[in-house]
Protein backbone atom coordinates (compact mmCIF):
# COMPACT_ATOMS: atom_id res chain seq x y z
CA MET A 1 83.51 77.98 -35.37
CA SER A 2 85.04 80.03 -32.92
CA LYS A 3 86.38 77.90 -30.33
CA ILE A 4 85.64 79.38 -26.85
CA ALA A 5 86.71 78.45 -23.11
CA ILE A 6 85.62 79.01 -20.03
CA TYR A 7 87.79 78.75 -17.03
CA ALA A 8 86.13 78.66 -13.93
CA GLY A 9 87.25 78.73 -10.27
CA SER A 10 86.92 80.81 -7.43
CA PHE A 11 90.53 82.80 -7.00
CA ASP A 12 91.17 83.62 -3.58
CA PRO A 13 93.57 84.23 -4.13
CA PRO A 14 94.93 84.46 -7.69
CA THR A 15 97.83 82.02 -8.27
CA ASN A 16 100.65 81.61 -10.65
CA GLY A 17 99.05 78.55 -11.23
CA HIS A 18 95.98 80.18 -12.34
CA GLN A 19 98.28 83.05 -14.58
CA TRP A 20 100.01 79.75 -16.88
CA MET A 21 96.47 78.95 -17.02
CA MET A 22 95.11 81.45 -18.27
CA GLN A 23 98.63 81.68 -20.49
CA ARG A 24 97.90 78.54 -22.07
CA GLY A 25 93.79 78.64 -22.53
CA SER A 26 94.47 82.33 -24.60
CA GLU A 27 97.08 80.14 -26.83
CA MET A 28 94.82 77.34 -27.87
CA PHE A 29 91.43 79.00 -28.04
CA ASP A 30 89.68 82.16 -30.26
CA GLU A 31 88.16 83.38 -26.71
CA LEU A 32 89.33 82.12 -22.95
CA VAL A 33 85.79 83.23 -20.57
CA VAL A 34 87.76 83.54 -16.59
CA VAL A 35 84.83 82.42 -15.06
CA LEU A 36 85.02 83.70 -10.81
CA ALA A 37 82.09 81.21 -9.35
CA VAL A 38 80.67 82.78 -6.63
CA ASN A 39 79.98 80.67 -3.58
CA PRO A 40 77.40 82.24 -1.12
CA ASP A 41 78.53 80.04 1.82
CA LYS A 42 82.59 80.76 1.64
CA LYS A 43 83.96 83.94 3.68
CA GLY A 44 86.37 85.26 1.03
CA PHE A 45 90.35 86.12 1.75
CA LEU A 46 90.36 88.46 -1.05
CA SER A 47 87.03 90.23 -1.66
CA MET A 48 84.59 89.24 -5.00
CA GLU A 49 85.42 92.69 -6.56
CA THR A 50 89.19 93.15 -5.67
CA ARG A 51 89.16 89.36 -7.40
CA ARG A 52 87.53 90.19 -10.25
CA ALA A 53 89.71 92.88 -10.65
CA LEU A 54 93.01 91.19 -10.16
CA LEU A 55 92.31 88.49 -12.37
CA GLU A 56 91.24 91.41 -15.40
CA GLU A 57 94.56 92.88 -14.56
CA MET A 58 96.29 89.65 -15.11
CA ALA A 59 94.29 88.91 -18.42
CA ALA A 60 95.59 92.43 -19.60
CA GLU A 61 98.60 91.36 -19.56
CA LEU A 62 98.24 88.40 -22.07
CA PRO A 63 99.54 88.78 -25.71
CA ALA A 64 96.16 87.32 -27.70
CA GLY A 65 94.14 89.84 -25.69
CA ASN A 66 91.30 87.45 -26.19
CA VAL A 67 90.87 86.97 -22.22
CA ARG A 68 87.57 88.45 -20.48
CA VAL A 69 86.59 88.13 -16.48
CA GLU A 70 82.80 86.97 -15.52
CA VAL A 71 81.04 86.98 -12.74
CA VAL A 72 79.03 83.92 -12.34
CA PRO A 73 77.13 83.98 -9.22
CA GLN A 74 74.96 80.75 -9.49
CA GLY A 75 73.81 78.14 -11.48
CA PHE A 76 75.21 75.57 -13.56
CA LEU A 77 78.45 75.94 -15.37
CA VAL A 78 77.61 74.48 -18.16
CA ASP A 79 74.33 76.63 -18.17
CA PHE A 80 76.52 79.30 -17.91
CA ALA A 81 78.86 77.98 -21.57
CA SER A 82 76.23 77.27 -23.04
CA ARG A 83 74.33 80.39 -23.08
CA ILE A 84 77.31 82.23 -24.19
CA GLY A 85 78.45 79.81 -26.73
CA ALA A 86 81.12 78.02 -24.99
CA THR A 87 82.57 74.68 -26.56
CA HIS A 88 85.13 73.75 -23.76
CA LEU A 89 85.65 73.94 -20.02
CA LEU A 90 89.04 74.23 -19.73
CA ARG A 91 90.40 72.93 -16.06
CA GLY A 92 94.07 72.42 -14.41
CA ILE A 93 94.98 69.22 -13.06
CA ARG A 94 97.53 69.05 -10.01
CA ASN A 95 97.92 65.58 -8.90
CA THR A 96 95.89 62.07 -8.74
CA ILE A 97 93.11 63.61 -5.67
CA ASP A 98 92.59 66.90 -9.15
CA PHE A 99 91.68 64.06 -11.81
CA GLU A 100 89.52 61.99 -10.09
CA TYR A 101 87.09 64.92 -8.83
CA GLU A 102 87.30 66.92 -12.46
CA LYS A 103 86.90 63.45 -14.37
CA ALA A 104 84.20 62.56 -11.85
CA MET A 105 83.12 66.40 -13.17
CA ALA A 106 83.59 66.14 -17.04
CA ARG A 107 81.43 63.32 -17.48
CA MET A 108 78.19 65.25 -15.48
CA ASN A 109 78.82 67.55 -17.33
CA ALA A 110 79.15 65.92 -21.12
CA ARG A 111 75.86 64.13 -19.34
CA MET A 112 74.42 68.48 -19.36
CA GLN A 113 75.58 69.53 -21.88
CA PRO A 114 77.19 67.23 -24.50
CA GLU A 115 78.32 69.70 -27.06
CA ILE A 116 80.24 70.87 -24.67
CA GLN A 117 84.16 69.77 -24.10
CA SER A 118 86.60 69.26 -20.99
CA VAL A 119 89.64 69.96 -21.97
CA PHE A 120 92.78 69.60 -19.22
CA LEU A 121 96.18 70.79 -18.53
CA MET A 122 98.80 69.87 -16.02
CA PRO A 123 100.52 72.57 -15.28
CA PRO A 124 104.89 72.63 -15.02
CA SER A 125 106.12 70.73 -12.21
CA GLU A 126 107.01 74.08 -10.41
CA LEU A 127 103.31 75.62 -10.60
CA GLU A 128 102.42 71.57 -9.33
CA GLU A 129 101.75 72.28 -5.62
CA ILE A 130 100.53 76.08 -5.56
CA SER A 131 97.05 76.33 -4.56
CA SER A 132 95.04 79.34 -3.03
CA SER A 133 94.75 77.79 0.19
CA MET A 134 98.26 77.04 0.59
CA VAL A 135 99.33 80.77 -0.31
CA ARG A 136 96.00 81.64 2.37
CA GLY A 137 97.65 79.66 4.41
CA PHE A 138 100.94 81.25 5.05
CA VAL A 139 99.44 84.78 5.52
CA GLY A 140 100.77 85.66 8.73
CA LEU A 141 103.23 83.32 9.64
CA PRO A 142 106.93 84.61 10.22
CA GLY A 143 108.59 85.12 6.81
CA TRP A 144 105.64 84.72 4.93
CA GLU A 145 106.11 87.69 2.05
CA ARG A 146 109.32 85.83 0.53
CA TRP A 147 106.74 82.54 -0.39
CA VAL A 148 103.41 84.28 -0.80
CA LYS A 149 105.43 86.25 -3.69
CA ALA A 150 106.65 83.19 -5.10
CA CYS A 151 103.97 81.79 -5.03
CA VAL A 152 100.89 84.53 -7.03
CA PRO A 153 101.49 87.26 -9.62
CA PRO A 154 102.63 90.86 -9.05
CA CYS A 155 99.73 92.41 -8.97
CA VAL A 156 97.61 90.15 -6.59
CA PHE A 157 101.11 90.60 -3.68
CA ARG A 158 100.26 93.68 -3.79
CA ALA A 159 96.44 93.58 -3.50
CA ILE A 160 97.65 91.26 -0.43
CA CYS A 161 99.74 93.31 1.51
CA SER A 162 97.94 96.41 1.16
């Protein structure tokens, strides 16, 4: 049986931490589906189309060649996972706040779809503090380019600067 994992988020914008998670997920699973979740109540920093294109570019650079990007406009992630035959949900944990949130979500997901297992990865320390909201907060400040460039893949930096 193939091990298929889902790695979901809003990726607004995708960061080096997201890229690390995609790389590790592609190494751990037969297939990794990066799910771009849609929140209709949020106005995105980058458009949905831009984020999808960036994630697809990031996925294409991974050597395993087993990563694809999907957009899920609504519904429960575990239901989508079940529909596509996913066996795992891949989540990143940077700190204790992430851990508490992800633990609660994993337990709820296990109640809804017990056959789908949550897997947690901790990024290396140099990526631990990077977040999309931090990157968005940097943009526009004096000297922002230097800091943003250090936090996102080159394709994302180019998209933010254009």
